[in-house]
Amino acid sequence: MAEQQAIKLHIGGKSYSFVLKRDEGEPTTLAEKEELYRLAEREVNAYAARLEKNRYDGFSTQDYLALTALQLAISNIGLTRSRNLASEDLERLEELDDRIDAYLNRL
């Protein structure tokens, strides 16, 4: 049976309601999910506020939120790419380890 919890987030001066769900056997608790959502809420609002301090002519709250979404997406893509590179490096190290083991076993 899935557990549920309703939360409300305030982003860019507007409230958004969410229902967090946790399926049986899922390792993440509802409290952990809520914490993740709250941290994301704070990060989005903080970044948008930093942009608003620049006072770009003709920019609305929606424009600042769009730029925030773009920056967060760029950061996410960068992290994904670096994780993929680290994974490739790990695979190469494992292959090298196997080759060294095979070489040492032949001695």
N, C-alpha and C. Protein backbone atom coordinates (compact mmCIF):
# COMPACT_ATOMS: atom_id res chain seq x y z
N MET A 1 0.84 -1.18 0.00
CA MET A 1 0.00 0.00 0.00
C MET A 1 0.89 1.25 0.00
N ALA A 2 0.56 2.22 -0.81
CA ALA A 2 1.35 3.44 -0.92
C ALA A 2 0.97 4.44 0.18
N GLU A 3 2.00 5.02 0.79
CA GLU A 3 1.79 6.10 1.75
C GLU A 3 1.73 7.41 0.98
N GLN A 4 1.01 8.39 1.52
CA GLN A 4 0.90 9.69 0.88
C GLN A 4 1.04 10.80 1.90
N GLN A 5 1.49 11.95 1.42
CA GLN A 5 1.60 13.12 2.27
C GLN A 5 1.42 14.36 1.39
N ALA A 6 0.54 15.26 1.80
CA ALA A 6 0.32 16.50 1.07
C ALA A 6 1.27 17.57 1.61
N ILE A 7 1.90 18.30 0.70
CA ILE A 7 2.74 19.42 1.10
C ILE A 7 2.43 20.60 0.19
N LYS A 8 2.79 21.77 0.64
CA LYS A 8 2.60 22.99 -0.14
C LYS A 8 3.95 23.69 -0.22
N LEU A 9 4.35 24.03 -1.44
CA LEU A 9 5.59 24.74 -1.66
C LEU A 9 5.28 26.14 -2.18
N HIS A 10 6.13 27.10 -1.83
CA HIS A 10 5.96 28.48 -2.28
C HIS A 10 7.15 28.82 -3.16
N ILE A 11 6.86 29.00 -4.44
CA ILE A 11 7.93 29.27 -5.41
C ILE A 11 7.55 30.52 -6.21
N GLY A 12 8.45 31.47 -6.21
CA GLY A 12 8.20 32.69 -6.97
C GLY A 12 6.96 33.43 -6.52
N GLY A 13 6.65 33.36 -5.23
CA GLY A 13 5.50 34.08 -4.69
C GLY A 13 4.17 33.38 -4.90
N LYS A 14 4.19 32.17 -5.37
CA LYS A 14 2.96 31.43 -5.62
C LYS A 14 3.02 30.09 -4.91
N SER A 15 1.87 29.60 -4.42
CA SER A 15 1.80 28.32 -3.72
C SER A 15 1.46 27.19 -4.69
N TYR A 16 2.12 26.06 -4.47
CA TYR A 16 1.87 24.86 -5.27
C TYR A 16 1.67 23.69 -4.32
N SER A 17 0.62 22.93 -4.55
CA SER A 17 0.33 21.76 -3.73
C SER A 17 0.85 20.51 -4.42
N PHE A 18 1.43 19.64 -3.62
CA PHE A 18 1.94 18.37 -4.11
C PHE A 18 1.49 17.25 -3.18
N VAL A 19 1.30 16.08 -3.75
CA VAL A 19 1.05 14.89 -2.95
C VAL A 19 2.24 13.97 -3.17
N LEU A 20 3.00 13.77 -2.11
CA LEU A 20 4.15 12.88 -2.17
C LEU A 20 3.67 11.46 -1.91
N LYS A 21 4.17 10.53 -2.69
CA LYS A 21 3.77 9.13 -2.53
C LYS A 21 4.99 8.27 -2.31
N ARG A 22 4.80 7.26 -1.50
CA ARG A 22 5.86 6.29 -1.25
C ARG A 22 5.26 4.90 -1.39
N ASP A 23 5.77 4.16 -2.35
CA ASP A 23 5.31 2.79 -2.56
C ASP A 23 6.01 1.86 -1.60
N GLU A 24 5.34 0.79 -1.23
CA GLU A 24 5.92 -0.21 -0.33
C GLU A 24 7.22 -0.73 -0.92
N GLY A 25 8.23 -0.83 -0.10
CA GLY A 25 9.53 -1.33 -0.55
C GLY A 25 10.44 -0.25 -1.09
N GLU A 26 9.93 0.95 -1.28
CA GLU A 26 10.76 2.05 -1.77
C GLU A 26 11.69 2.50 -0.65
N PRO A 27 12.98 2.68 -0.94
CA PRO A 27 13.94 3.00 0.13
C PRO A 27 13.80 4.42 0.70
N THR A 28 13.21 5.34 -0.05
CA THR A 28 13.08 6.72 0.41
C THR A 28 11.82 6.89 1.24
N THR A 29 11.97 7.49 2.43
CA THR A 29 10.80 7.75 3.28
C THR A 29 10.10 9.01 2.82
N LEU A 30 8.86 9.20 3.28
CA LEU A 30 8.13 10.42 2.95
C LEU A 30 8.85 11.64 3.53
N ALA A 31 9.41 11.50 4.71
CA ALA A 31 10.14 12.62 5.32
C ALA A 31 11.35 13.00 4.46
N GLU A 32 12.04 12.00 3.91
CA GLU A 32 13.19 12.28 3.04
C GLU A 32 12.74 12.94 1.74
N LYS A 33 11.62 12.49 1.20
CA LYS A 33 11.08 13.10 -0.01
C LYS A 33 10.69 14.55 0.25
N GLU A 34 10.02 14.78 1.39
CA GLU A 34 9.62 16.15 1.71
C GLU A 34 10.84 17.04 1.86
N GLU A 35 11.89 16.53 2.52
CA GLU A 35 13.11 17.31 2.68
C GLU A 35 13.70 17.68 1.33
N LEU A 36 13.69 16.74 0.39
CA LEU A 36 14.21 16.99 -0.94
C LEU A 36 13.41 18.11 -1.62
N TYR A 37 12.08 18.04 -1.52
CA TYR A 37 11.23 19.07 -2.12
C TYR A 37 11.47 20.42 -1.46
N ARG A 38 11.61 20.45 -0.15
CA ARG A 38 11.84 21.71 0.57
C ARG A 38 13.20 22.31 0.21
N LEU A 39 14.22 21.47 0.09
CA LEU A 39 15.54 21.96 -0.32
C LEU A 39 15.48 22.53 -1.74
N ALA A 40 14.76 21.86 -2.63
CA ALA A 40 14.61 22.35 -4.00
C ALA A 40 13.87 23.67 -4.01
N GLU A 41 12.83 23.78 -3.20
CA GLU A 41 12.06 25.03 -3.09
C GLU A 41 12.99 26.18 -2.68
N ARG A 42 13.80 25.94 -1.66
CA ARG A 42 14.71 26.98 -1.18
C ARG A 42 15.75 27.34 -2.25
N GLU A 43 16.27 26.34 -2.93
CA GLU A 43 17.29 26.60 -3.94
C GLU A 43 16.72 27.42 -5.10
N VAL A 44 15.54 27.05 -5.57
CA VAL A 44 14.91 27.79 -6.68
C VAL A 44 14.64 29.22 -6.26
N ASN A 45 14.04 29.42 -5.10
CA ASN A 45 13.73 30.77 -4.64
C ASN A 45 15.00 31.60 -4.41
N ALA A 46 16.03 30.99 -3.87
CA ALA A 46 17.28 31.72 -3.62
C ALA A 46 17.94 32.14 -4.93
N TYR A 47 17.97 31.24 -5.90
CA TYR A 47 18.61 31.57 -7.17
C TYR A 47 17.82 32.65 -7.90
N ALA A 48 16.48 32.53 -7.90
CA ALA A 48 15.64 33.54 -8.55
C ALA A 48 15.82 34.90 -7.87
N ALA A 49 15.94 34.91 -6.55
CA ALA A 49 16.14 36.15 -5.81
C ALA A 49 17.48 36.79 -6.19
N ARG A 50 18.53 35.98 -6.36
CA ARG A 50 19.83 36.52 -6.78
C ARG A 50 19.72 37.16 -8.16
N LEU A 51 18.97 36.53 -9.05
CA LEU A 51 18.79 37.10 -10.39
C LEU A 51 17.99 38.40 -10.32
N GLU A 52 16.96 38.43 -9.49
CA GLU A 52 16.12 39.61 -9.36
C GLU A 52 16.90 40.82 -8.85
N LYS A 53 17.95 40.58 -8.08
CA LYS A 53 18.77 41.69 -7.59
C LYS A 53 19.41 42.45 -8.74
N ASN A 54 19.61 41.78 -9.88
CA ASN A 54 20.20 42.43 -11.05
C ASN A 54 19.21 43.36 -11.75
N ARG A 55 17.94 43.21 -11.47
CA ARG A 55 16.89 44.08 -12.01
C ARG A 55 16.99 44.26 -13.53
N TYR A 56 16.86 43.17 -14.26
CA TYR A 56 16.87 43.24 -15.72
C TYR A 56 15.60 43.95 -16.18
N ASP A 57 15.73 44.86 -17.13
CA ASP A 57 14.59 45.63 -17.62
C ASP A 57 13.55 44.72 -18.26
N GLY A 58 12.31 44.88 -17.84
CA GLY A 58 11.21 44.15 -18.44
C GLY A 58 11.07 42.71 -17.99
N PHE A 59 11.88 42.27 -17.03
CA PHE A 59 11.80 40.88 -16.56
C PHE A 59 10.71 40.74 -15.51
N SER A 60 9.94 39.68 -15.64
CA SER A 60 8.91 39.35 -14.67
C SER A 60 9.41 38.21 -13.78
N THR A 61 8.64 37.88 -12.77
CA THR A 61 8.97 36.73 -11.91
C THR A 61 9.10 35.48 -12.76
N GLN A 62 8.22 35.34 -13.76
CA GLN A 62 8.27 34.17 -14.65
C GLN A 62 9.60 34.11 -15.40
N ASP A 63 10.10 35.26 -15.84
CA ASP A 63 11.39 35.29 -16.53
C ASP A 63 12.53 34.83 -15.62
N TYR A 64 12.51 35.32 -14.38
CA TYR A 64 13.55 34.92 -13.42
C TYR A 64 13.46 33.42 -13.12
N LEU A 65 12.24 32.90 -13.02
CA LEU A 65 12.08 31.46 -12.78
C LEU A 65 12.52 30.64 -13.98
N ALA A 66 12.29 31.17 -15.19
CA ALA A 66 12.74 30.46 -16.40
C ALA A 66 14.27 30.40 -16.43
N LEU A 67 14.93 31.51 -16.09
CA LEU A 67 16.39 31.51 -16.05
C LEU A 67 16.91 30.58 -14.95
N THR A 68 16.20 30.52 -13.84
CA THR A 68 16.56 29.61 -12.75
C THR A 68 16.45 28.17 -13.23
N ALA A 69 15.35 27.84 -13.90
CA ALA A 69 15.17 26.48 -14.42
C ALA A 69 16.28 26.13 -15.40
N LEU A 70 16.65 27.09 -16.26
CA LEU A 70 17.73 26.85 -17.21
C LEU A 70 19.05 26.58 -16.50
N GLN A 71 19.38 27.38 -15.50
CA GLN A 71 20.63 27.20 -14.76
C GLN A 71 20.65 25.86 -14.04
N LEU A 72 19.53 25.48 -13.41
CA LEU A 72 19.48 24.20 -12.71
C LEU A 72 19.59 23.03 -13.69
N ALA A 73 18.98 23.17 -14.87
CA ALA A 73 19.09 22.11 -15.88
C ALA A 73 20.54 21.97 -16.37
N ILE A 74 21.20 23.12 -16.57
CA ILE A 74 22.61 23.09 -16.99
C ILE A 74 23.45 22.40 -15.93
N SER A 75 23.22 22.73 -14.67
CA SER A 75 23.95 22.09 -13.57
C SER A 75 23.70 20.59 -13.54
N ASN A 76 22.44 20.19 -13.73
CA ASN A 76 22.07 18.78 -13.72
C ASN A 76 22.77 18.03 -14.86
N ILE A 77 22.80 18.63 -16.04
CA ILE A 77 23.46 18.00 -17.18
C ILE A 77 24.95 17.86 -16.91
N GLY A 78 25.55 18.90 -16.32
CA GLY A 78 26.97 18.84 -15.98
C GLY A 78 27.28 17.73 -15.00
N LEU A 79 26.43 17.60 -13.98
CA LEU A 79 26.63 16.52 -13.00
C LEU A 79 26.47 15.15 -13.64
N THR A 80 25.48 15.01 -14.51
CA THR A 80 25.26 13.73 -15.19
C THR A 80 26.46 13.37 -16.05
N ARG A 81 26.97 14.35 -16.77
CA ARG A 81 28.14 14.10 -17.62
C ARG A 81 29.36 13.71 -16.79
N SER A 82 29.58 14.41 -15.68
CA SER A 82 30.75 14.09 -14.86
C SER A 82 30.61 12.72 -14.23
N ARG A 83 29.37 12.35 -13.86
CA ARG A 83 29.13 11.02 -13.31
C ARG A 83 29.41 9.96 -14.36
N ASN A 84 29.00 10.22 -15.60
CA ASN A 84 29.26 9.27 -16.69
C ASN A 84 30.75 9.12 -16.94
N LEU A 85 31.48 10.24 -16.89
CA LEU A 85 32.93 10.16 -17.08
C LEU A 85 33.58 9.38 -15.96
N ALA A 86 33.13 9.61 -14.73
CA ALA A 86 33.67 8.87 -13.59
C ALA A 86 33.39 7.39 -13.74
N SER A 87 32.21 7.06 -14.23
CA SER A 87 31.84 5.66 -14.43
C SER A 87 32.74 5.02 -15.50
N GLU A 88 33.00 5.77 -16.58
CA GLU A 88 33.88 5.25 -17.62
C GLU A 88 35.30 5.06 -17.08
N ASP A 89 35.76 6.00 -16.28
CA ASP A 89 37.09 5.87 -15.67
C ASP A 89 37.16 4.65 -14.77
N LEU A 90 36.13 4.40 -14.01
CA LEU A 90 36.07 3.24 -13.13
C LEU A 90 36.12 1.95 -13.94
N GLU A 91 35.39 1.91 -15.05
CA GLU A 91 35.42 0.73 -15.91
C GLU A 91 36.83 0.49 -16.45
N ARG A 92 37.51 1.55 -16.86
CA ARG A 92 38.89 1.41 -17.37
C ARG A 92 39.82 0.90 -16.28
N LEU A 93 39.64 1.42 -15.06
CA LEU A 93 40.48 0.95 -13.95
C LEU A 93 40.23 -0.52 -13.65
N GLU A 94 38.97 -0.95 -13.72
CA GLU A 94 38.65 -2.35 -13.48
C GLU A 94 39.26 -3.24 -14.55
N GLU A 95 39.23 -2.78 -15.81
CA GLU A 95 39.85 -3.53 -16.90
C GLU A 95 41.36 -3.64 -16.68
N LEU A 96 41.96 -2.53 -16.28
CA LEU A 96 43.40 -2.53 -16.01
C LEU A 96 43.72 -3.47 -14.85
N ASP A 97 42.91 -3.45 -13.81
CA ASP A 97 43.10 -4.35 -12.67
C ASP A 97 43.03 -5.80 -13.12
N ASP A 98 42.06 -6.12 -13.98
CA ASP A 98 41.94 -7.49 -14.50
C ASP A 98 43.18 -7.89 -15.31
N ARG A 99 43.68 -6.96 -16.11
CA ARG A 99 44.86 -7.25 -16.92
C ARG A 99 46.08 -7.47 -16.03
N ILE A 100 46.21 -6.65 -14.99
CA ILE A 100 47.34 -6.80 -14.06
C ILE A 100 47.24 -8.14 -13.33
N ASP A 101 46.03 -8.50 -12.86
CA ASP A 101 45.83 -9.79 -12.20
C ASP A 101 46.19 -10.95 -13.11
N ALA A 102 45.74 -10.86 -14.38
CA ALA A 102 46.04 -11.93 -15.33
C ALA A 102 47.55 -12.03 -15.56
N TYR A 103 48.21 -10.91 -15.68
CA TYR A 103 49.65 -10.89 -15.89
C TYR A 103 50.37 -11.50 -14.69
N LEU A 104 49.98 -11.08 -13.47
CA LEU A 104 50.64 -11.59 -12.26
C LEU A 104 50.37 -13.09 -12.07
N ASN A 105 49.23 -13.56 -12.47
CA ASN A 105 48.91 -14.98 -12.35
C ASN A 105 49.73 -15.84 -13.31
N ARG A 106 50.19 -15.23 -14.39
CA ARG A 106 51.03 -15.98 -15.34
C ARG A 106 52.46 -16.09 -14.87
N LEU A 107 52.86 -15.25 -13.94
CA LEU A 107 54.27 -15.26 -13.47
C LEU A 107 54.56 -16.44 -12.61
